[in-house]
């Protein structure tokens, strides 16, 4: 991957309900499917999900993806 990091947006979200690696995987898969997302790192222990994308994401899209995974978006960290 040769993406220019100066043109990427990194956002940290708080997600409630994640308790294990399976939870992290479910949230990661749903968020990774959003247009423009290049990486996702979910950490159940902290409830934080770091998303790197080509442009800022619409919070409604992020909320819908997290809901689809079965968890709740608490907002940005």
PDB file of N, CA and C in Angstrom:
ATOM      1  N   UNK A   1       0.849  -1.181   0.000  1.00  0.00           N
ATOM      2  CA  UNK A   1       0.000   0.000   0.000  1.00  0.00           C
ATOM      3  C   UNK A   1       0.892   1.240   0.000  1.00  0.00           C
ATOM      4  N   UNK A   2       0.609   2.144  -0.893  1.00  0.00           N
ATOM      5  CA  UNK A   2       1.421   3.349  -0.993  1.00  0.00           C
ATOM      6  C   UNK A   2       0.586   4.603  -0.765  1.00  0.00           C
ATOM      7  N   UNK A   3      -0.315   4.538   0.164  1.00  0.00           N
ATOM      8  CA  UNK A   3      -1.195   5.682   0.453  1.00  0.00           C
ATOM      9  C   UNK A   3      -0.408   6.794   1.139  1.00  0.00           C
ATOM     10  N   UNK A   4      -0.697   8.000   0.740  1.00  0.00           N
ATOM     11  CA  UNK A   4      -0.080   9.177   1.350  1.00  0.00           C
ATOM     12  C   UNK A   4      -0.810   9.464   2.655  1.00  0.00           C
ATOM     13  N   UNK A   5      -0.125   9.295   3.778  1.00  0.00           N
ATOM     14  CA  UNK A   5      -0.786   9.457   5.078  1.00  0.00           C
ATOM     15  C   UNK A   5      -1.257  10.887   5.329  1.00  0.00           C
ATOM     16  N   UNK A   6      -0.715  11.862   4.578  1.00  0.00           N
ATOM     17  CA  UNK A   6      -1.161  13.245   4.757  1.00  0.00           C
ATOM     18  C   UNK A   6      -2.592  13.441   4.271  1.00  0.00           C
ATOM     19  N   UNK A   7      -3.074  12.541   3.421  1.00  0.00           N
ATOM     20  CA  UNK A   7      -4.420  12.678   2.887  1.00  0.00           C
ATOM     21  C   UNK A   7      -5.406  11.749   3.580  1.00  0.00           C
ATOM     22  N   UNK A   8      -4.970  11.082   4.618  1.00  0.00           N
ATOM     23  CA  UNK A   8      -5.835  10.146   5.329  1.00  0.00           C
ATOM     24  C   UNK A   8      -6.347  10.778   6.624  1.00  0.00           C
ATOM     25  N   UNK A   9      -7.515  10.321   7.042  1.00  0.00           N
ATOM     26  CA  UNK A   9      -8.123  10.797   8.278  1.00  0.00           C
ATOM     27  C   UNK A   9      -8.154   9.647   9.279  1.00  0.00           C
ATOM     28  N   UNK A  10      -7.671   9.890  10.491  1.00  0.00           N
ATOM     29  CA  UNK A  10      -7.732   8.886  11.553  1.00  0.00           C
ATOM     30  C   UNK A  10      -8.708   9.372  12.608  1.00  0.00           C
ATOM     31  N   UNK A  11      -9.698   8.528  12.915  1.00  0.00           N
ATOM     32  CA  UNK A  11     -10.715   8.882  13.906  1.00  0.00           C
ATOM     33  C   UNK A  11     -10.827   7.742  14.906  1.00  0.00           C
ATOM     34  N   UNK A  12     -10.912   8.087  16.185  1.00  0.00           N
ATOM     35  CA  UNK A  12     -11.087   7.085  17.237  1.00  0.00           C
ATOM     36  C   UNK A  12     -12.515   7.205  17.762  1.00  0.00           C
ATOM     37  N   UNK A  13     -13.228   6.079  17.734  1.00  0.00           N
ATOM     38  CA  UNK A  13     -14.607   6.010  18.208  1.00  0.00           C
ATOM     39  C   UNK A  13     -14.680   5.180  19.471  1.00  0.00           C
ATOM     40  N   UNK A  14     -15.692   5.437  20.294  1.00  0.00           N
ATOM     41  CA  UNK A  14     -15.977   4.623  21.479  1.00  0.00           C
ATOM     42  C   UNK A  14     -17.153   3.726  21.128  1.00  0.00           C
ATOM     43  N   UNK A  15     -16.969   2.435  21.337  1.00  0.00           N
ATOM     44  CA  UNK A  15     -18.012   1.454  21.052  1.00  0.00           C
ATOM     45  C   UNK A  15     -18.272   0.658  22.323  1.00  0.00           C
ATOM     46  N   UNK A  16     -19.534   0.574  22.732  1.00  0.00           N
ATOM     47  CA  UNK A  16     -19.871  -0.163  23.943  1.00  0.00           C
ATOM     48  C   UNK A  16     -20.351  -1.562  23.586  1.00  0.00           C
ATOM     49  N   UNK A  17     -20.063  -2.499  24.481  1.00  0.00           N
ATOM     50  CA  UNK A  17     -20.540  -3.863  24.330  1.00  0.00           C
ATOM     51  C   UNK A  17     -19.492  -4.862  23.864  1.00  0.00           C
ATOM     52  N   UNK A  18     -18.339  -4.391  23.384  1.00  0.00           N
ATOM     53  CA  UNK A  18     -17.300  -5.325  22.945  1.00  0.00           C
ATOM     54  C   UNK A  18     -16.617  -5.937  24.164  1.00  0.00           C
ATOM     55  N   UNK A  19     -16.494  -7.271  24.164  1.00  0.00           N
ATOM     56  CA  UNK A  19     -15.866  -7.937  25.304  1.00  0.00           C
ATOM     57  C   UNK A  19     -14.758  -8.913  24.925  1.00  0.00           C
ATOM     58  N   UNK A  20     -14.604  -9.196  23.625  1.00  0.00           N
ATOM     59  CA  UNK A  20     -13.635 -10.227  23.237  1.00  0.00           C
ATOM     60  C   UNK A  20     -13.148 -10.023  21.810  1.00  0.00           C
ATOM     61  N   UNK A  21     -12.278 -10.910  21.365  1.00  0.00           N
ATOM     62  CA  UNK A  21     -11.744 -10.852  20.016  1.00  0.00           C
ATOM     63  C   UNK A  21     -12.813 -11.009  18.951  1.00  0.00           C
ATOM     64  N   UNK A  22     -13.808 -11.823  19.224  1.00  0.00           N
ATOM     65  CA  UNK A  22     -14.904 -11.991  18.260  1.00  0.00           C
ATOM     66  C   UNK A  22     -15.633 -10.669  18.071  1.00  0.00           C
ATOM     67  N   UNK A  23     -15.861  -9.960  19.161  1.00  0.00           N
ATOM     68  CA  UNK A  23     -16.505  -8.639  19.098  1.00  0.00           C
ATOM     69  C   UNK A  23     -15.670  -7.686  18.247  1.00  0.00           C
ATOM     70  N   UNK A  24     -14.360  -7.672  18.502  1.00  0.00           N
ATOM     71  CA  UNK A  24     -13.462  -6.815  17.741  1.00  0.00           C
ATOM     72  C   UNK A  24     -13.558  -7.130  16.248  1.00  0.00           C
ATOM     73  N   UNK A  25     -13.591  -8.412  15.920  1.00  0.00           N
ATOM     74  CA  UNK A  25     -13.666  -8.842  14.525  1.00  0.00           C
ATOM     75  C   UNK A  25     -14.953  -8.415  13.856  1.00  0.00           C
ATOM     76  N   UNK A  26     -16.063  -8.524  14.580  1.00  0.00           N
ATOM     77  CA  UNK A  26     -17.364  -8.153  14.014  1.00  0.00           C
ATOM     78  C   UNK A  26     -17.413  -6.660  13.711  1.00  0.00           C
ATOM     79  N   UNK A  27     -16.951  -5.845  14.645  1.00  0.00           N
ATOM     80  CA  UNK A  27     -16.950  -4.396  14.450  1.00  0.00           C
ATOM     81  C   UNK A  27     -15.976  -4.023  13.335  1.00  0.00           C
ATOM     82  N   UNK A  28     -14.807  -4.638  13.339  1.00  0.00           N
ATOM     83  CA  UNK A  28     -13.802  -4.367  12.307  1.00  0.00           C
ATOM     84  C   UNK A  28     -14.348  -4.677  10.920  1.00  0.00           C
ATOM     85  N   UNK A  29     -14.990  -5.832  10.760  1.00  0.00           N
ATOM     86  CA  UNK A  29     -15.510  -6.235   9.449  1.00  0.00           C
ATOM     87  C   UNK A  29     -16.556  -5.255   8.930  1.00  0.00           C
ATOM     88  N   UNK A  30     -17.467  -4.831   9.791  1.00  0.00           N
ATOM     89  CA  UNK A  30     -18.521  -3.905   9.356  1.00  0.00           C
ATOM     90  C   UNK A  30     -17.955  -2.535   8.983  1.00  0.00           C
ATOM     91  N   UNK A  31     -17.035  -2.025   9.804  1.00  0.00           N
ATOM     92  CA  UNK A  31     -16.469  -0.708   9.515  1.00  0.00           C
ATOM     93  C   UNK A  31     -15.545  -0.748   8.298  1.00  0.00           C
ATOM     94  N   UNK A  32     -14.822  -1.845   8.117  1.00  0.00           N
ATOM     95  CA  UNK A  32     -13.913  -1.971   6.970  1.00  0.00           C
ATOM     96  C   UNK A  32     -14.680  -1.970   5.648  1.00  0.00           C
ATOM     97  N   UNK A  33     -15.959  -2.331   5.688  1.00  0.00           N
ATOM     98  CA  UNK A  33     -16.775  -2.378   4.478  1.00  0.00           C
ATOM     99  C   UNK A  33     -17.245  -0.993   4.026  1.00  0.00           C
ATOM    100  N   UNK A  34     -17.077   0.025   4.882  1.00  0.00           N
ATOM    101  CA  UNK A  34     -17.492   1.382   4.497  1.00  0.00           C
ATOM    102  C   UNK A  34     -16.556   1.939   3.424  1.00  0.00           C
ATOM    103  N   UNK A  35     -17.114   2.674   2.500  1.00  0.00           N
ATOM    104  CA  UNK A  35     -16.335   3.272   1.413  1.00  0.00           C
ATOM    105  C   UNK A  35     -15.257   4.201   1.963  1.00  0.00           C
ATOM    106  N   UNK A  36     -14.042   4.034   1.460  1.00  0.00           N
ATOM    107  CA  UNK A  36     -12.938   4.909   1.831  1.00  0.00           C
ATOM    108  C   UNK A  36     -12.134   4.458   3.031  1.00  0.00           C
ATOM    109  N   UNK A  37     -12.596   3.429   3.748  1.00  0.00           N
ATOM    110  CA  UNK A  37     -11.882   2.959   4.939  1.00  0.00           C
ATOM    111  C   UNK A  37     -10.694   2.093   4.514  1.00  0.00           C
ATOM    112  N   UNK A  38      -9.508   2.436   5.027  1.00  0.00           N
ATOM    113  CA  UNK A  38      -8.316   1.669   4.680  1.00  0.00           C
ATOM    114  C   UNK A  38      -7.845   0.770   5.813  1.00  0.00           C
ATOM    115  N   UNK A  39      -8.182   1.100   7.062  1.00  0.00           N
ATOM    116  CA  UNK A  39      -7.845   0.208   8.170  1.00  0.00           C
ATOM    117  C   UNK A  39      -8.743   0.475   9.375  1.00  0.00           C
ATOM    118  N   UNK A  40      -8.915  -0.597  10.163  1.00  0.00           N
ATOM    119  CA  UNK A  40      -9.729  -0.526  11.379  1.00  0.00           C
ATOM    120  C   UNK A  40      -9.017  -1.323  12.451  1.00  0.00           C
ATOM    121  N   UNK A  41      -8.912  -0.767  13.652  1.00  0.00           N
ATOM    122  CA  UNK A  41      -8.352  -1.502  14.789  1.00  0.00           C
ATOM    123  C   UNK A  41      -9.297  -1.330  15.962  1.00  0.00           C
ATOM    124  N   UNK A  42      -9.953  -2.427  16.348  1.00  0.00           N
ATOM    125  CA  UNK A  42     -10.875  -2.412  17.483  1.00  0.00           C
ATOM    126  C   UNK A  42     -10.192  -3.050  18.687  1.00  0.00           C
ATOM    127  N   UNK A  43     -10.359  -2.445  19.861  1.00  0.00           N
ATOM    128  CA  UNK A  43      -9.778  -2.970  21.102  1.00  0.00           C
ATOM    129  C   UNK A  43     -10.897  -3.103  22.130  1.00  0.00           C
ATOM    130  N   UNK A  44     -11.301  -4.342  22.385  1.00  0.00           N
ATOM    131  CA  UNK A  44     -12.416  -4.593  23.302  1.00  0.00           C
ATOM    132  C   UNK A  44     -12.121  -4.079  24.711  1.00  0.00           C
ATOM    133  N   UNK A  45     -10.892  -4.225  25.169  1.00  0.00           N
ATOM    134  CA  UNK A  45     -10.535  -3.841  26.538  1.00  0.00           C
ATOM    135  C   UNK A  45     -10.781  -2.364  26.823  1.00  0.00           C
ATOM    136  N   UNK A  46     -10.602  -1.522  25.801  1.00  0.00           N
ATOM    137  CA  UNK A  46     -10.788  -0.074  25.993  1.00  0.00           C
ATOM    138  C   UNK A  46     -12.072   0.433  25.373  1.00  0.00           C
ATOM    139  N   UNK A  47     -12.673  -0.368  24.481  1.00  0.00           N
ATOM    140  CA  UNK A  47     -13.865   0.073  23.778  1.00  0.00           C
ATOM    141  C   UNK A  47     -13.560   1.061  22.671  1.00  0.00           C
ATOM    142  N   UNK A  48     -12.287   1.181  22.314  1.00  0.00           N
ATOM    143  CA  UNK A  48     -11.900   2.136  21.283  1.00  0.00           C
ATOM    144  C   UNK A  48     -11.708   1.446  19.943  1.00  0.00           C
ATOM    145  N   UNK A  49     -12.161   2.122  18.905  1.00  0.00           N
ATOM    146  CA  UNK A  49     -12.002   1.637  17.540  1.00  0.00           C
ATOM    147  C   UNK A  49     -11.366   2.763  16.735  1.00  0.00           C
ATOM    148  N   UNK A  50     -10.186   2.497  16.185  1.00  0.00           N
ATOM    149  CA  UNK A  50      -9.470   3.480  15.389  1.00  0.00           C
ATOM    150  C   UNK A  50      -9.707   3.174  13.919  1.00  0.00           C
ATOM    151  N   UNK A  51     -10.197   4.162  13.189  1.00  0.00           N
ATOM    152  CA  UNK A  51     -10.522   3.997  11.778  1.00  0.00           C
ATOM    153  C   UNK A  51      -9.690   4.986  10.968  1.00  0.00           C
ATOM    154  N   UNK A  52      -8.996   4.459   9.955  1.00  0.00           N
ATOM    155  CA  UNK A  52      -8.253   5.299   9.023  1.00  0.00           C
ATOM    156  C   UNK A  52      -9.020   5.275   7.709  1.00  0.00           C
ATOM    157  N   UNK A  53      -9.320   6.469   7.191  1.00  0.00           N
ATOM    158  CA  UNK A  53     -10.121   6.564   5.968  1.00  0.00           C
ATOM    159  C   UNK A  53      -9.585   7.677   5.074  1.00  0.00           C
ATOM    160  N   UNK A  54     -10.002   7.627   3.813  1.00  0.00           N
ATOM    161  CA  UNK A  54      -9.551   8.613   2.833  1.00  0.00           C
ATOM    162  C   UNK A  54     -10.088  10.000   3.145  1.00  0.00           C
ATOM    163  N   UNK A  55     -11.241  10.065   3.789  1.00  0.00           N
ATOM    164  CA  UNK A  55     -11.877  11.330   4.162  1.00  0.00           C
ATOM    165  C   UNK A  55     -12.686  11.085   5.428  1.00  0.00           C
ATOM    166  N   UNK A  56     -13.061  12.141   6.142  1.00  0.00           N
ATOM    167  CA  UNK A  56     -13.888  11.940   7.339  1.00  0.00           C
ATOM    168  C   UNK A  56     -15.165  11.166   6.986  1.00  0.00           C
ATOM    169  N   UNK A  57     -15.537  10.245   7.859  1.00  0.00           N
ATOM    170  CA  UNK A  57     -16.733   9.430   7.644  1.00  0.00           C
ATOM    171  C   UNK A  57     -17.959  10.104   8.226  1.00  0.00           C
ATOM    172  N   UNK A  58     -19.101   9.840   7.633  1.00  0.00           N
ATOM    173  CA  UNK A  58     -20.368  10.327   8.157  1.00  0.00           C
ATOM    174  C   UNK A  58     -20.683   9.505   9.407  1.00  0.00           C
ATOM    175  N   UNK A  59     -20.928  10.174  10.524  1.00  0.00           N
ATOM    176  CA  UNK A  59     -21.163   9.451  11.775  1.00  0.00           C
ATOM    177  C   UNK A  59     -22.367   8.514  11.674  1.00  0.00           C
ATOM    178  N   UNK A  60     -23.369   8.877  10.897  1.00  0.00           N
ATOM    179  CA  UNK A  60     -24.539   8.010  10.728  1.00  0.00           C
ATOM    180  C   UNK A  60     -24.143   6.686  10.069  1.00  0.00           C
ATOM    181  N   UNK A  61     -23.206   6.739   9.125  1.00  0.00           N
ATOM    182  CA  UNK A  61     -22.727   5.518   8.475  1.00  0.00           C
ATOM    183  C   UNK A  61     -21.950   4.650   9.457  1.00  0.00           C
ATOM    184  N   UNK A  62     -21.120   5.296  10.274  1.00  0.00           N
ATOM    185  CA  UNK A  62     -20.347   4.563  11.278  1.00  0.00           C
ATOM    186  C   UNK A  62     -21.300   3.929  12.287  1.00  0.00           C
ATOM    187  N   UNK A  63     -22.284   4.693  12.747  1.00  0.00           N
ATOM    188  CA  UNK A  63     -23.262   4.185  13.716  1.00  0.00           C
ATOM    189  C   UNK A  63     -24.010   2.983  13.148  1.00  0.00           C
ATOM    190  N   UNK A  64     -24.428   3.071  11.879  1.00  0.00           N
ATOM    191  CA  UNK A  64     -25.155   1.972  11.248  1.00  0.00           C
ATOM    192  C   UNK A  64     -24.288   0.719  11.150  1.00  0.00           C
ATOM    193  N   UNK A  65     -23.013   0.884  10.828  1.00  0.00           N
ATOM    194  CA  UNK A  65     -22.109  -0.260  10.718  1.00  0.00           C
ATOM    195  C   UNK A  65     -21.896  -0.927  12.081  1.00  0.00           C
ATOM    196  N   UNK A  66     -21.707  -0.104  13.113  1.00  0.00           N
ATOM    197  CA  UNK A  66     -21.514  -0.638  14.470  1.00  0.00           C
ATOM    198  C   UNK A  66     -22.794  -1.336  14.933  1.00  0.00           C
ATOM    199  N   UNK A  67     -23.947  -0.746  14.647  1.00  0.00           N
ATOM    200  CA  UNK A  67     -25.234  -1.358  14.996  1.00  0.00           C
ATOM    201  C   UNK A  67     -25.387  -2.709  14.296  1.00  0.00           C
ATOM    202  N   UNK A  68     -25.007  -2.767  13.027  1.00  0.00           N
ATOM    203  CA  UNK A  68     -25.104  -4.009  12.254  1.00  0.00           C
ATOM    204  C   UNK A  68     -24.247  -5.103  12.881  1.00  0.00           C
ATOM    205  N   UNK A  69     -23.128  -4.708  13.478  1.00  0.00           N
ATOM    206  CA  UNK A  69     -22.246  -5.676  14.146  1.00  0.00           C
ATOM    207  C   UNK A  69     -22.816  -6.114  15.497  1.00  0.00           C
ATOM    208  N   UNK A  70     -23.825  -5.385  15.992  1.00  0.00           N
ATOM    209  CA  UNK A  70     -24.454  -5.747  17.258  1.00  0.00           C
ATOM    210  C   UNK A  70     -23.976  -4.956  18.457  1.00  0.00           C
ATOM    211  N   UNK A  71     -23.358  -3.810  18.211  1.00  0.00           N
ATOM    212  CA  UNK A  71     -22.815  -2.998  19.301  1.00  0.00           C
ATOM    213  C   UNK A  71     -23.329  -1.570  19.176  1.00  0.00           C
ATOM    214  N   UNK A  72     -22.928  -0.711  20.103  1.00  0.00           N
ATOM    215  CA  UNK A  72     -23.444   0.651  20.111  1.00  0.00           C
ATOM    216  C   UNK A  72     -22.307   1.658  20.037  1.00  0.00           C
ATOM    217  N   UNK A  73     -22.456   2.601  19.101  1.00  0.00           N
ATOM    218  CA  UNK A  73     -21.481   3.685  18.972  1.00  0.00           C
ATOM    219  C   UNK A  73     -21.788   4.717  20.051  1.00  0.00           C
ATOM    220  N   UNK A  74     -20.785   4.996  20.899  1.00  0.00           N
ATOM    221  CA  UNK A  74     -20.963   5.976  21.973  1.00  0.00           C
ATOM    222  C   UNK A  74     -20.438   7.349  21.539  1.00  0.00           C
ATOM    223  N   UNK A  75     -19.851   7.437  20.347  1.00  0.00           N
ATOM    224  CA  UNK A  75     -19.331   8.694  19.841  1.00  0.00           C
ATOM    225  C   UNK A  75     -17.835   8.630  19.628  1.00  0.00           C
ATOM    226  N   UNK A  76     -17.248   9.771  19.367  1.00  0.00           N
ATOM    227  CA  UNK A  76     -15.798   9.829  19.158  1.00  0.00           C
ATOM    228  C   UNK A  76     -15.099   9.901  20.512  1.00  0.00           C
ATOM    229  N   UNK A  77     -13.946   9.275  20.573  1.00  0.00           N
ATOM    230  CA  UNK A  77     -13.163   9.265  21.815  1.00  0.00           C
ATOM    231  C   UNK A  77     -12.389  10.549  21.965  1.00  0.00           C
TER     232      UNK A  77
END
